[in-house]
Amino acid sequence: MKDYYRTYHIKIDIEKVKTIIEEYRNSFFCPFSNEQSYLNIYKGKECHVQFFNMQHCDYNRKPNREGEKYIKYLQSVERKLKNEKTYNYLKDNYEKFTIETNEENFILPHEDPMIQEFVTELESLWCFDASNRNKGKICRTRLVRLPRGGNMPYHRDETSSDNIRVICPILTNNKVKSGFRDKLGERFYEFPATGHFYNFDDTRVEHGVFNESDQDRYALIFTVIGVSDMKEWDRAYYKNKKYWKAWSSGI
């Protein structure tokens, strides 16, 4: 079984993303430094990843069951490790953090019209059926920088089983490797910056990124709502595109 799927039909012009990266190159931050986020529990860990958020969390929205389970899981881990300070931090902020772990709550737009326009275009690409359904909408859109020589250690994510997390490399090279680790061992791949999107089982298979080059690696990451199989969705996009081309030609 292949570790990942790459879209064949859905892709973007990465030059637009490069423009945003250049404009906000100095605005990337360590997500673990935010004391108002549950990610703060990872502060000081050997992880060099940096974020630039294009959408922000709406804390007026509700949590989901996966988010509640995830925070409870983190609490149990910290209690077993006898990290009472971290356990109490998660407990005291339980309601807020469960809202934050629901990626569907990250829908508030960035204040920059250029970024708003890009996110709208990106969502139009994934909501290709032009319906009013929630399916295909995107949330928690962000740019992620992995500095030269830096690592994103093996981990699992909290993505809902109803959604998929999607990755599009923007600036990378052949010395940046994406790794997968399970009972069968480790496998490493190069994901080139072609405008195509990648998806894998991020909740059950440990994955990481290792930048052994002398250049920073940038990737666009977001979550697609209501889509659980990117391969099927990619094919549906192609069929939809063919249908509208035939319809507009009067066939």
Foldseek 3Di string as FASTA:
>chain_A
DDQKDWFDFQFDDLVLVVVVCVVCVVVWADPLVDLLELSVVCPPPQAQKTKDWQFAFDQVDAADPLLLVVLVVVLVVCVVVVVVVSNVSSVVCVRSHSSVLRQVRRHHGDPDVSSVVVLVVVQCSQVVVPDPDLFRGWGRKMKMKAAAQGKGFWDAGSDDLQKWKKKAWNDDDPQKWKWWQDPVGIDIDDHDRPRIIMTGRRHPIIMMIGHNGNGMTMMIMIMGGRDNDVVVSSVVSVVSVVVVVCVVVVD
